[in-house]
Amino acid sequence: MMRTDVTFDSAGIALAGHLYTPPSTAGAPRPAIVVGHPGSGVKEQAAGLYASRLAEQGFITLAFDAAHQGESGGTPRDLEDPAQRVEDLKAAVSYLTTLPAVNPDRIGALGICASGGYVLPAAGGDHRIKAVATVSAVDVARQFRFGADGTQDPTVFQGMLGAAADARTATARGEQAPALELFPASVEQARAMGGEHGAEGFEYYRTPRAQHPRAASFLDWTSIDRMAGFDAFALLPLLGRRPLLMIAGTRAVTSWMTVEAFQKAVGPKECHWIDGASHVDLYDKDQYVTPAVQKLTDFFTTELDGRA
């Protein structure tokens, strides 16, 4: 398996990606899979892990940093823009179609966490994506509005919208707008604020377990009002008869979003549960990632028309 640094354009923004290819690409062009990273993540973390593991199974895979994040271009930095994120996934598909080793009629998409939400409208509006899979899927708009577990007081998000409005006003006046801090100072504070889900996020992103210098620690406040009007599940009917696989852990507090999306899908679909896994466990813990990758391999092998 070989990893190559690549760049490609997404609505005028240069995206940085890692292209993973199997040990041998001889013979007919192969199926390929675009892999989107979690919110605040980068291609070197969960997306890269899944991309490399799927490449070992014979697929050509592409993990990339979203616009405004990681090594990719775009200002302001650390902006989470759902519309742009959907465009980035389509741009990644476009890039794969230019590669002689890729069969352009056999391209799938895998989204992890926030990208598990973004791949749904991306595929809904782009018929080049023949099969869609998610791991620990999250609709960022629902998560910010209702909390990871769906029980957040609505006034919390209203307060965030107020802060986003203030940030826009500050920028218009030429002032330095504050940023939205994603993580508190310690795992104890993360647990107090977000329960075990918050603690697990801290341990993944802020400790040697998976910490990366380019992963976002802050978000531009305008991310919040951009998310407010986004609905990751609205275009699910447009998937039509294209297949959907959704993977979630039985302990994931975010799994209600997987269930909601699954219920809205109208075509061939499967919800696959990884016993004992939390939302973040599926990012990198081998006892959970391995069965998830096996399920993904079986799914994409079948739905992209034959073994790679």
C-alpha atoms as a PDB file:
ATOM      1  CA  MET A   1       0.000   0.000   0.000  1.00  0.00           C
ATOM      2  CA  MET A   2       1.418   3.371  -1.037  1.00  0.00           C
ATOM      3  CA  ARG A   3       0.461   6.857   0.167  1.00  0.00           C
ATOM      4  CA  THR A   4       0.921   9.842  -2.136  1.00  0.00           C
ATOM      5  CA  ASP A   5       0.451  13.525  -1.328  1.00  0.00           C
ATOM      6  CA  VAL A   6      -1.998  15.100  -3.772  1.00  0.00           C
ATOM      7  CA  THR A   7      -3.801  18.406  -4.268  1.00  0.00           C
ATOM      8  CA  PHE A   8      -7.008  19.227  -6.095  1.00  0.00           C
ATOM      9  CA  ASP A   9      -9.415  22.128  -6.486  1.00  0.00           C
ATOM     10  CA  SER A  10     -12.715  22.630  -4.661  1.00  0.00           C
ATOM     11  CA  ALA A  11     -14.569  25.760  -5.756  1.00  0.00           C
ATOM     12  CA  GLY A  12     -11.295  27.632  -6.153  1.00  0.00           C
ATOM     13  CA  ILE A  13      -9.722  26.351  -2.921  1.00  0.00           C
ATOM     14  CA  ALA A  14      -6.736  23.997  -3.053  1.00  0.00           C
ATOM     15  CA  LEU A  15      -7.363  20.864  -0.990  1.00  0.00           C
ATOM     16  CA  ALA A  16      -4.566  18.652   0.350  1.00  0.00           C
ATOM     17  CA  GLY A  17      -5.114  14.921   0.267  1.00  0.00           C
ATOM     18  CA  HIS A  18      -3.481  11.555   0.759  1.00  0.00           C
ATOM     19  CA  LEU A  19      -4.089   9.072  -2.035  1.00  0.00           C
ATOM     20  CA  TYR A  20      -3.749   5.442  -0.953  1.00  0.00           C
ATOM     21  CA  THR A  21      -3.146   2.783  -3.582  1.00  0.00           C
ATOM     22  CA  PRO A  22      -2.915  -1.011  -3.208  1.00  0.00           C
ATOM     23  CA  PRO A  23       0.436  -2.782  -3.656  1.00  0.00           C
ATOM     24  CA  SER A  24      -0.414  -3.516  -7.281  1.00  0.00           C
ATOM     25  CA  THR A  25      -2.682  -1.502  -9.557  1.00  0.00           C
ATOM     26  CA  ALA A  26      -2.039  -3.590 -12.653  1.00  0.00           C
ATOM     27  CA  GLY A  27      -4.969  -4.666 -14.761  1.00  0.00           C
ATOM     28  CA  ALA A  28      -8.339  -3.006 -15.189  1.00  0.00           C
ATOM     29  CA  PRO A  29      -9.087   0.307 -13.425  1.00  0.00           C
ATOM     30  CA  ARG A  30     -10.115  -0.202  -9.808  1.00  0.00           C
ATOM     31  CA  PRO A  31     -12.976   0.967  -7.618  1.00  0.00           C
ATOM     32  CA  ALA A  32     -12.183   3.969  -5.444  1.00  0.00           C
ATOM     33  CA  ILE A  33     -13.521   5.458  -2.214  1.00  0.00           C
ATOM     34  CA  VAL A  34     -13.488   9.052  -0.984  1.00  0.00           C
ATOM     35  CA  VAL A  35     -13.072   9.234   2.815  1.00  0.00           C
ATOM     36  CA  GLY A  36     -14.176  12.337   4.741  1.00  0.00           C
ATOM     37  CA  HIS A  37     -12.805  13.226   8.177  1.00  0.00           C
ATOM     38  CA  PRO A  38     -14.663  14.104  11.405  1.00  0.00           C
ATOM     39  CA  GLY A  39     -15.333  17.675  12.430  1.00  0.00           C
ATOM     40  CA  SER A  40     -12.101  19.252  13.787  1.00  0.00           C
ATOM     41  CA  GLY A  41     -10.137  16.260  12.444  1.00  0.00           C
ATOM     42  CA  VAL A  42      -7.540  16.016   9.687  1.00  0.00           C
ATOM     43  CA  LYS A  43      -6.662  13.430   7.070  1.00  0.00           C
ATOM     44  CA  GLU A  44      -3.871  11.986   9.207  1.00  0.00           C
ATOM     45  CA  GLN A  45      -6.331  10.782  11.863  1.00  0.00           C
ATOM     46  CA  ALA A  46      -9.460   8.606  11.534  1.00  0.00           C
ATOM     47  CA  ALA A  47     -10.000   9.281   7.814  1.00  0.00           C
ATOM     48  CA  GLY A  48      -6.445   8.256   7.002  1.00  0.00           C
ATOM     49  CA  LEU A  49      -6.736   5.123   9.101  1.00  0.00           C
ATOM     50  CA  TYR A  50      -9.868   3.952   7.296  1.00  0.00           C
ATOM     51  CA  ALA A  51      -8.479   4.976   3.916  1.00  0.00           C
ATOM     52  CA  SER A  52      -5.290   2.980   4.465  1.00  0.00           C
ATOM     53  CA  ARG A  53      -7.131  -0.060   5.777  1.00  0.00           C
ATOM     54  CA  LEU A  54      -9.484  -0.075   2.783  1.00  0.00           C
ATOM     55  CA  ALA A  55      -6.543   0.347   0.403  1.00  0.00           C
ATOM     56  CA  GLU A  56      -5.069  -2.806   1.933  1.00  0.00           C
ATOM     57  CA  GLN A  57      -8.260  -4.532   0.765  1.00  0.00           C
ATOM     58  CA  GLY A  58      -7.617  -3.460  -2.832  1.00  0.00           C
ATOM     59  CA  PHE A  59      -9.450  -0.148  -3.175  1.00  0.00           C
ATOM     60  CA  ILE A  60      -7.906   3.144  -4.231  1.00  0.00           C
ATOM     61  CA  THR A  61      -8.827   5.604  -1.488  1.00  0.00           C
ATOM     62  CA  LEU A  62      -8.549   9.348  -0.938  1.00  0.00           C
ATOM     63  CA  ALA A  63      -8.525  11.063   2.456  1.00  0.00           C
ATOM     64  CA  PHE A  64      -8.292  14.848   2.417  1.00  0.00           C
ATOM     65  CA  ASP A  65      -8.447  17.936   4.596  1.00  0.00           C
ATOM     66  CA  ALA A  66     -11.599  19.996   4.239  1.00  0.00           C
ATOM     67  CA  ALA A  67     -11.322  23.538   2.900  1.00  0.00           C
ATOM     68  CA  HIS A  68     -10.247  26.042   5.572  1.00  0.00           C
ATOM     69  CA  GLN A  69      -8.754  23.213   7.650  1.00  0.00           C
ATOM     70  CA  GLY A  70      -5.569  21.169   7.982  1.00  0.00           C
ATOM     71  CA  GLU A  71      -3.162  21.573   5.071  1.00  0.00           C
ATOM     72  CA  SER A  72      -5.890  22.732   2.696  1.00  0.00           C
ATOM     73  CA  GLY A  73      -6.339  26.337   1.658  1.00  0.00           C
ATOM     74  CA  GLY A  74      -9.149  28.719   2.425  1.00  0.00           C
ATOM     75  CA  THR A  75      -9.705  31.676   4.727  1.00  0.00           C
ATOM     76  CA  PRO A  76     -10.803  32.227   7.386  1.00  0.00           C
ATOM     77  CA  ARG A  77      -9.029  29.315   8.983  1.00  0.00           C
ATOM     78  CA  ASP A  78     -10.818  26.648  11.023  1.00  0.00           C
ATOM     79  CA  LEU A  79     -14.143  27.393   9.370  1.00  0.00           C
ATOM     80  CA  GLU A  80     -16.756  24.623   9.347  1.00  0.00           C
ATOM     81  CA  ASP A  81     -18.903  25.432   6.341  1.00  0.00           C
ATOM     82  CA  PRO A  82     -21.387  22.633   5.539  1.00  0.00           C
ATOM     83  CA  ALA A  83     -21.987  23.787   1.959  1.00  0.00           C
ATOM     84  CA  GLN A  84     -18.257  23.865   1.268  1.00  0.00           C
ATOM     85  CA  ARG A  85     -17.751  20.501   2.979  1.00  0.00           C
ATOM     86  CA  VAL A  86     -20.308  18.929   0.658  1.00  0.00           C
ATOM     87  CA  GLU A  87     -18.593  20.570  -2.309  1.00  0.00           C
ATOM     88  CA  ASP A  88     -15.231  19.214  -1.118  1.00  0.00           C
ATOM     89  CA  LEU A  89     -16.527  15.646  -1.280  1.00  0.00           C
ATOM     90  CA  LYS A  90     -17.786  16.171  -4.826  1.00  0.00           C
ATOM     91  CA  ALA A  91     -14.426  17.734  -5.750  1.00  0.00           C
ATOM     92  CA  ALA A  92     -12.647  14.666  -4.361  1.00  0.00           C
ATOM     93  CA  VAL A  93     -14.806  12.476  -6.606  1.00  0.00           C
ATOM     94  CA  SER A  94     -13.915  14.699  -9.561  1.00  0.00           C
ATOM     95  CA  TYR A  95     -10.230  14.288  -8.779  1.00  0.00           C
ATOM     96  CA  LEU A  96     -10.551  10.490  -8.646  1.00  0.00           C
ATOM     97  CA  THR A  97     -12.231  10.443 -12.066  1.00  0.00           C
ATOM     98  CA  THR A  98      -9.044  11.931 -13.580  1.00  0.00           C
ATOM     99  CA  LEU A  99      -6.846   9.039 -12.416  1.00  0.00           C
ATOM    100  CA  PRO A 100      -6.195   6.316 -15.019  1.00  0.00           C
ATOM    101  CA  ALA A 101      -6.085   3.648 -12.276  1.00  0.00           C
ATOM    102  CA  VAL A 102      -9.633   4.508 -11.108  1.00  0.00           C
ATOM    103  CA  ASN A 103     -12.808   3.233 -12.719  1.00  0.00           C
ATOM    104  CA  PRO A 104     -14.997   6.383 -12.742  1.00  0.00           C
ATOM    105  CA  ASP A 105     -18.136   4.253 -12.679  1.00  0.00           C
ATOM    106  CA  ARG A 106     -17.104   2.522  -9.436  1.00  0.00           C
ATOM    107  CA  ILE A 107     -16.622   5.327  -6.901  1.00  0.00           C
ATOM    108  CA  GLY A 108     -18.005   5.206  -3.362  1.00  0.00           C
ATOM    109  CA  ALA A 109     -17.938   7.589  -0.422  1.00  0.00           C
ATOM    110  CA  LEU A 110     -17.309   7.006   3.270  1.00  0.00           C
ATOM    111  CA  GLY A 111     -17.962   9.676   5.880  1.00  0.00           C
ATOM    112  CA  ILE A 112     -16.844   9.525   9.498  1.00  0.00           C
ATOM    113  CA  CYS A 113     -18.610  11.584  12.200  1.00  0.00           C
ATOM    114  CA  ALA A 114     -19.477  14.980  10.645  1.00  0.00           C
ATOM    115  CA  SER A 115     -18.504  13.696   7.209  1.00  0.00           C
ATOM    116  CA  GLY A 116     -20.995  10.899   7.804  1.00  0.00           C
ATOM    117  CA  GLY A 117     -23.570  13.660   7.538  1.00  0.00           C
ATOM    118  CA  TYR A 118     -21.917  15.481   4.647  1.00  0.00           C
ATOM    119  CA  VAL A 119     -21.642  12.411   2.386  1.00  0.00           C
ATOM    120  CA  LEU A 120     -25.436  12.062   2.366  1.00  0.00           C
ATOM    121  CA  PRO A 121     -26.257  15.338   0.539  1.00  0.00           C
ATOM    122  CA  ALA A 122     -23.049  15.012  -1.487  1.00  0.00           C
ATOM    123  CA  ALA A 123     -24.183  11.651  -2.831  1.00  0.00           C
ATOM    124  CA  GLY A 124     -27.794  12.789  -3.082  1.00  0.00           C
ATOM    125  CA  GLY A 125     -26.758  15.457  -5.564  1.00  0.00           C
ATOM    126  CA  ASP A 126     -23.942  13.582  -7.313  1.00  0.00           C
ATOM    127  CA  HIS A 127     -24.804  10.409  -9.218  1.00  0.00           C
ATOM    128  CA  ARG A 128     -21.125   9.586  -9.675  1.00  0.00           C
ATOM    129  CA  ILE A 129     -21.142   8.294  -6.079  1.00  0.00           C
ATOM    130  CA  LYS A 130     -22.451   4.762  -6.496  1.00  0.00           C
ATOM    131  CA  ALA A 131     -22.474   3.612  -2.858  1.00  0.00           C
ATOM    132  CA  VAL A 132     -22.420   5.480   0.471  1.00  0.00           C
ATOM    133  CA  ALA A 133     -21.230   4.414   3.918  1.00  0.00           C
ATOM    134  CA  THR A 134     -20.976   6.181   7.258  1.00  0.00           C
ATOM    135  CA  VAL A 135     -19.204   5.498  10.545  1.00  0.00           C
ATOM    136  CA  SER A 136     -20.457   7.268  13.701  1.00  0.00           C
ATOM    137  CA  ALA A 137     -22.517   9.565  11.493  1.00  0.00           C
ATOM    138  CA  VAL A 138     -23.345  13.028  12.798  1.00  0.00           C
ATOM    139  CA  ASP A 139     -25.303  15.886  11.290  1.00  0.00           C
ATOM    140  CA  VAL A 140     -23.305  18.831  12.646  1.00  0.00           C
ATOM    141  CA  ALA A 141     -26.357  21.079  12.585  1.00  0.00           C
ATOM    142  CA  ARG A 142     -28.333  18.668  14.751  1.00  0.00           C
ATOM    143  CA  GLN A 143     -25.394  18.173  17.079  1.00  0.00           C
ATOM    144  CA  PHE A 144     -24.907  21.885  17.666  1.00  0.00           C
ATOM    145  CA  ARG A 145     -28.641  22.543  17.983  1.00  0.00           C
ATOM    146  CA  PHE A 146     -29.540  19.579  20.171  1.00  0.00           C
ATOM    147  CA  GLY A 147     -26.257  18.312  21.608  1.00  0.00           C
ATOM    148  CA  ALA A 148     -24.475  15.031  20.946  1.00  0.00           C
ATOM    149  CA  ASP A 149     -27.123  13.091  22.842  1.00  0.00           C
ATOM    150  CA  GLY A 150     -30.083  15.114  21.541  1.00  0.00           C
ATOM    151  CA  THR A 151     -31.074  16.572  24.917  1.00  0.00           C
ATOM    152  CA  GLN A 152     -29.424  20.004  24.879  1.00  0.00           C
ATOM    153  CA  ASP A 153     -31.529  22.986  25.982  1.00  0.00           C
ATOM    154  CA  PRO A 154     -32.427  25.016  22.835  1.00  0.00           C
ATOM    155  CA  THR A 155     -31.281  28.210  24.533  1.00  0.00           C
ATOM    156  CA  VAL A 156     -27.677  26.987  24.314  1.00  0.00           C
ATOM    157  CA  PHE A 157     -27.670  27.160  20.540  1.00  0.00           C
ATOM    158  CA  GLN A 158     -29.496  30.485  20.582  1.00  0.00           C
ATOM    159  CA  GLY A 159     -26.657  31.831  22.715  1.00  0.00           C
ATOM    160  CA  MET A 160     -24.126  30.519  20.199  1.00  0.00           C
ATOM    161  CA  LEU A 161     -25.998  32.220  17.366  1.00  0.00           C
ATOM    162  CA  GLY A 162     -25.776  35.452  19.321  1.00  0.00           C
ATOM    163  CA  ALA A 163     -22.012  35.027  19.706  1.00  0.00           C
ATOM    164  CA  ALA A 164     -21.700  34.300  15.986  1.00  0.00           C
ATOM    165  CA  ALA A 165     -23.595  37.491  15.173  1.00  0.00           C
ATOM    166  CA  ASP A 166     -21.307  39.481  17.475  1.00  0.00           C
ATOM    167  CA  ALA A 167     -18.270  37.983  15.750  1.00  0.00           C
ATOM    168  CA  ARG A 168     -19.557  39.055  12.349  1.00  0.00           C
ATOM    169  CA  THR A 169     -20.136  42.582  13.630  1.00  0.00           C
ATOM    170  CA  ALA A 170     -16.634  42.737  15.096  1.00  0.00           C
ATOM    171  CA  THR A 171     -15.105  41.642  11.795  1.00  0.00           C
ATOM    172  CA  ALA A 172     -17.143  44.226   9.871  1.00  0.00           C
ATOM    173  CA  ARG A 173     -15.751  46.911  12.171  1.00  0.00           C
ATOM    174  CA  GLY A 174     -12.189  45.775  11.516  1.00  0.00           C
ATOM    175  CA  GLU A 175     -11.819  44.227  14.957  1.00  0.00           C
ATOM    176  CA  GLN A 176     -10.361  40.840  15.817  1.00  0.00           C
ATOM    177  CA  ALA A 177     -13.284  38.512  16.412  1.00  0.00           C
ATOM    178  CA  PRO A 178     -12.879  35.808  19.054  1.00  0.00           C
ATOM    179  CA  ALA A 179     -12.782  32.128  18.110  1.00  0.00           C
ATOM    180  CA  LEU A 180     -14.940  29.308  19.410  1.00  0.00           C
ATOM    181  CA  GLU A 181     -12.797  27.060  21.613  1.00  0.00           C
ATOM    182  CA  LEU A 182     -13.555  23.398  20.971  1.00  0.00           C
ATOM    183  CA  PHE A 183     -11.827  21.787  23.937  1.00  0.00           C
ATOM    184  CA  PRO A 184     -11.432  22.774  27.594  1.00  0.00           C
ATOM    185  CA  ALA A 185      -8.119  22.620  29.426  1.00  0.00           C
ATOM    186  CA  SER A 186      -8.421  19.103  30.867  1.00  0.00           C
ATOM    187  CA  VAL A 187     -10.199  15.806  30.436  1.00  0.00           C
ATOM    188  CA  GLU A 188     -11.964  16.411  33.747  1.00  0.00           C
ATOM    189  CA  GLN A 189     -13.436  19.655  32.436  1.00  0.00           C
ATOM    190  CA  ALA A 190     -14.387  17.914  29.190  1.00  0.00           C
ATOM    191  CA  ARG A 191     -16.220  15.239  31.164  1.00  0.00           C
ATOM    192  CA  ALA A 192     -18.002  17.838  33.285  1.00  0.00           C
ATOM    193  CA  MET A 193     -19.164  19.681  30.173  1.00  0.00           C
ATOM    194  CA  GLY A 194     -19.961  16.765  27.855  1.00  0.00           C
ATOM    195  CA  GLY A 195     -20.017  13.570  29.896  1.00  0.00           C
ATOM    196  CA  GLU A 196     -18.095  10.543  28.658  1.00  0.00           C
ATOM    197  CA  HIS A 197     -18.565  11.626  25.046  1.00  0.00           C
ATOM    198  CA  GLY A 198     -16.787  14.889  25.819  1.00  0.00           C
ATOM    199  CA  ALA A 199     -14.029  13.087  27.712  1.00  0.00           C
ATOM    200  CA  GLU A 200     -13.482  10.639  24.858  1.00  0.00           C
ATOM    201  CA  GLY A 201     -13.229  13.473  22.357  1.00  0.00           C
ATOM    202  CA  PHE A 202     -10.638  15.177  24.529  1.00  0.00           C
ATOM    203  CA  GLU A 203      -8.611  11.969  24.899  1.00  0.00           C
ATOM    204  CA  TYR A 204      -8.606  11.425  21.145  1.00  0.00           C
ATOM    205  CA  TYR A 205      -7.831  14.954  19.976  1.00  0.00           C
ATOM    206  CA  ARG A 206      -5.807  16.381  22.863  1.00  0.00           C
ATOM    207  CA  THR A 207      -3.535  13.534  23.994  1.00  0.00           C
ATOM    208  CA  PRO A 208      -0.784  11.493  22.279  1.00  0.00           C
ATOM    209  CA  ARG A 209      -3.449   8.925  21.342  1.00  0.00           C
ATOM    210  CA  ALA A 210      -4.271  10.837  18.141  1.00  0.00           C
ATOM    211  CA  GLN A 211      -3.302  14.491  18.677  1.00  0.00           C
ATOM    212  CA  HIS A 212      -2.185  16.256  15.512  1.00  0.00           C
ATOM    213  CA  PRO A 213      -0.877  19.827  15.253  1.00  0.00           C
ATOM    214  CA  ARG A 214      -3.151  20.670  12.332  1.00  0.00           C
ATOM    215  CA  ALA A 215      -6.366  19.369  13.909  1.00  0.00           C
ATOM    216  CA  ALA A 216      -8.633  22.266  14.843  1.00  0.00           C
ATOM    217  CA  SER A 217      -8.682  23.453  18.452  1.00  0.00           C
ATOM    218  CA  PHE A 218     -10.951  26.385  17.598  1.00  0.00           C
ATOM    219  CA  LEU A 219     -13.673  27.185  15.080  1.00  0.00           C
ATOM    220  CA  ASP A 220     -14.395  30.472  13.398  1.00  0.00           C
ATOM    221  CA  TRP A 221     -17.624  31.675  15.026  1.00  0.00           C
ATOM    222  CA  THR A 222     -19.328  32.134  11.678  1.00  0.00           C
ATOM    223  CA  SER A 223     -19.334  28.333  11.425  1.00  0.00           C
ATOM    224  CA  ILE A 224     -22.289  28.384  13.804  1.00  0.00           C
ATOM    225  CA  ASP A 225     -24.769  30.343  11.722  1.00  0.00           C
ATOM    226  CA  ARG A 226     -23.613  28.485   8.584  1.00  0.00           C
ATOM    227  CA  MET A 227     -24.583  25.264  10.330  1.00  0.00           C
ATOM    228  CA  ALA A 228     -27.918  26.648  11.543  1.00  0.00           C
ATOM    229  CA  GLY A 229     -29.696  26.227   8.218  1.00  0.00           C
ATOM    230  CA  PHE A 230     -28.059  22.948   7.207  1.00  0.00           C
ATOM    231  CA  ASP A 231     -29.859  19.599   7.183  1.00  0.00           C
ATOM    232  CA  ALA A 232     -27.617  16.646   6.350  1.00  0.00           C
ATOM    233  CA  PHE A 233     -30.592  14.341   5.905  1.00  0.00           C
ATOM    234  CA  ALA A 234     -32.772  16.467   3.607  1.00  0.00           C
ATOM    235  CA  LEU A 235     -31.465  14.964   0.370  1.00  0.00           C
ATOM    236  CA  LEU A 236     -31.545  11.344   1.502  1.00  0.00           C
ATOM    237  CA  PRO A 237     -34.486  10.517  -0.814  1.00  0.00           C
ATOM    238  CA  LEU A 238     -32.298  11.577  -3.753  1.00  0.00           C
ATOM    239  CA  LEU A 239     -30.033   8.596  -3.118  1.00  0.00           C
ATOM    240  CA  GLY A 240     -32.798   6.610  -4.746  1.00  0.00           C
ATOM    241  CA  ARG A 241     -31.745   2.997  -5.276  1.00  0.00           C
ATOM    242  CA  ARG A 242     -28.083   3.593  -4.516  1.00  0.00           C
ATOM    243  CA  PRO A 243     -27.069   1.556  -1.445  1.00  0.00           C
ATOM    244  CA  LEU A 244     -26.391   2.985   2.003  1.00  0.00           C
ATOM    245  CA  LEU A 245     -24.507   1.366   4.889  1.00  0.00           C
ATOM    246  CA  MET A 246     -24.494   3.089   8.289  1.00  0.00           C
ATOM    247  CA  ILE A 247     -22.178   1.813  11.030  1.00  0.00           C
ATOM    248  CA  ALA A 248     -22.489   2.923  14.647  1.00  0.00           C
ATOM    249  CA  GLY A 249     -21.398   1.727  18.061  1.00  0.00           C
ATOM    250  CA  THR A 250     -23.961   0.373  20.506  1.00  0.00           C
ATOM    251  CA  ARG A 251     -22.614   2.787  23.179  1.00  0.00           C
ATOM    252  CA  ALA A 252     -22.502   5.866  20.930  1.00  0.00           C
ATOM    253  CA  VAL A 253     -24.565   8.726  22.343  1.00  0.00           C
ATOM    254  CA  THR A 254     -24.783  10.094  18.803  1.00  0.00           C
ATOM    255  CA  SER A 255     -26.401   6.950  17.383  1.00  0.00           C
ATOM    256  CA  TRP A 256     -29.851   8.589  17.375  1.00  0.00           C
ATOM    257  CA  MET A 257     -28.672  10.527  14.321  1.00  0.00           C
ATOM    258  CA  THR A 258     -27.722   7.311  12.517  1.00  0.00           C
ATOM    259  CA  VAL A 259     -31.169   5.941  13.324  1.00  0.00           C
ATOM    260  CA  GLU A 260     -32.918   9.111  12.120  1.00  0.00           C
ATOM    261  CA  ALA A 261     -30.979   9.179   8.842  1.00  0.00           C
ATOM    262  CA  PHE A 262     -31.533   5.464   8.305  1.00  0.00           C
ATOM    263  CA  GLN A 263     -35.277   5.899   8.685  1.00  0.00           C
ATOM    264  CA  LYS A 264     -35.314   8.661   6.063  1.00  0.00           C
ATOM    265  CA  ALA A 265     -33.407   6.661   3.437  1.00  0.00           C
ATOM    266  CA  VAL A 266     -35.680   5.116   0.810  1.00  0.00           C
ATOM    267  CA  GLY A 267     -33.374   2.742  -1.084  1.00  0.00           C
ATOM    268  CA  PRO A 268     -31.312  -0.336  -0.192  1.00  0.00           C
ATOM    269  CA  LYS A 269     -29.945   0.273   3.282  1.00  0.00           C
ATOM    270  CA  GLU A 270     -28.349  -1.446   6.247  1.00  0.00           C
ATOM    271  CA  CYS A 271     -27.627  -0.233   9.771  1.00  0.00           C
ATOM    272  CA  HIS A 272     -24.743  -2.222  11.240  1.00  0.00           C
ATOM    273  CA  TRP A 273     -23.990  -2.045  14.974  1.00  0.00           C
ATOM    274  CA  ILE A 274     -20.519  -2.573  16.470  1.00  0.00           C
ATOM    275  CA  ASP A 275     -21.106  -4.083  19.877  1.00  0.00           C
ATOM    276  CA  GLY A 276     -19.579  -2.191  22.801  1.00  0.00           C
ATOM    277  CA  ALA A 277     -18.199   0.697  20.735  1.00  0.00           C
ATOM    278  CA  SER A 278     -18.735   4.356  21.564  1.00  0.00           C
ATOM    279  CA  HIS A 279     -18.768   7.136  18.969  1.00  0.00           C
ATOM    280  CA  VAL A 280     -15.030   7.856  19.321  1.00  0.00           C
ATOM    281  CA  ASP A 281     -14.003   4.205  19.773  1.00  0.00           C
ATOM    282  CA  LEU A 282     -14.713   3.743  16.063  1.00  0.00           C
ATOM    283  CA  TYR A 283     -12.104   6.366  15.178  1.00  0.00           C
ATOM    284  CA  ASP A 284      -9.076   4.250  16.020  1.00  0.00           C
ATOM    285  CA  LYS A 285      -9.531   1.374  18.488  1.00  0.00           C
ATOM    286  CA  ASP A 286      -8.598  -1.746  16.593  1.00  0.00           C
ATOM    287  CA  GLN A 287     -11.120  -4.074  18.262  1.00  0.00           C
ATOM    288  CA  TYR A 288     -13.867  -1.872  16.798  1.00  0.00           C
ATOM    289  CA  VAL A 289     -12.201  -0.555  13.638  1.00  0.00           C
ATOM    290  CA  THR A 290     -11.347  -4.031  12.334  1.00  0.00           C
ATOM    291  CA  PRO A 291     -14.937  -5.330  12.206  1.00  0.00           C
ATOM    292  CA  ALA A 292     -16.074  -1.978  10.804  1.00  0.00           C
ATOM    293  CA  VAL A 293     -13.478  -2.173   8.008  1.00  0.00           C
ATOM    294  CA  GLN A 294     -14.497  -5.757   7.249  1.00  0.00           C
ATOM    295  CA  LYS A 295     -18.115  -4.692   6.928  1.00  0.00           C
ATOM    296  CA  LEU A 296     -17.132  -1.739   4.737  1.00  0.00           C
ATOM    297  CA  THR A 297     -14.968  -3.998   2.569  1.00  0.00           C
ATOM    298  CA  ASP A 298     -17.830  -6.434   2.012  1.00  0.00           C
ATOM    299  CA  PHE A 299     -20.222  -3.566   1.280  1.00  0.00           C
ATOM    300  CA  PHE A 300     -18.045  -1.718  -1.218  1.00  0.00           C
ATOM    301  CA  THR A 301     -16.883  -4.947  -2.863  1.00  0.00           C
ATOM    302  CA  THR A 302     -20.489  -5.905  -3.527  1.00  0.00           C
ATOM    303  CA  GLU A 303     -21.887  -2.470  -4.373  1.00  0.00           C
ATOM    304  CA  LEU A 304     -19.005  -1.263  -6.544  1.00  0.00           C
ATOM    305  CA  ASP A 305     -19.406  -4.321  -8.762  1.00  0.00           C
ATOM    306  CA  GLY A 306     -16.860  -6.897  -7.767  1.00  0.00           C
ATOM    307  CA  ARG A 307     -13.711  -7.404  -5.766  1.00  0.00           C
ATOM    308  CA  ALA A 308     -10.959  -4.878  -6.336  1.00  0.00           C
END
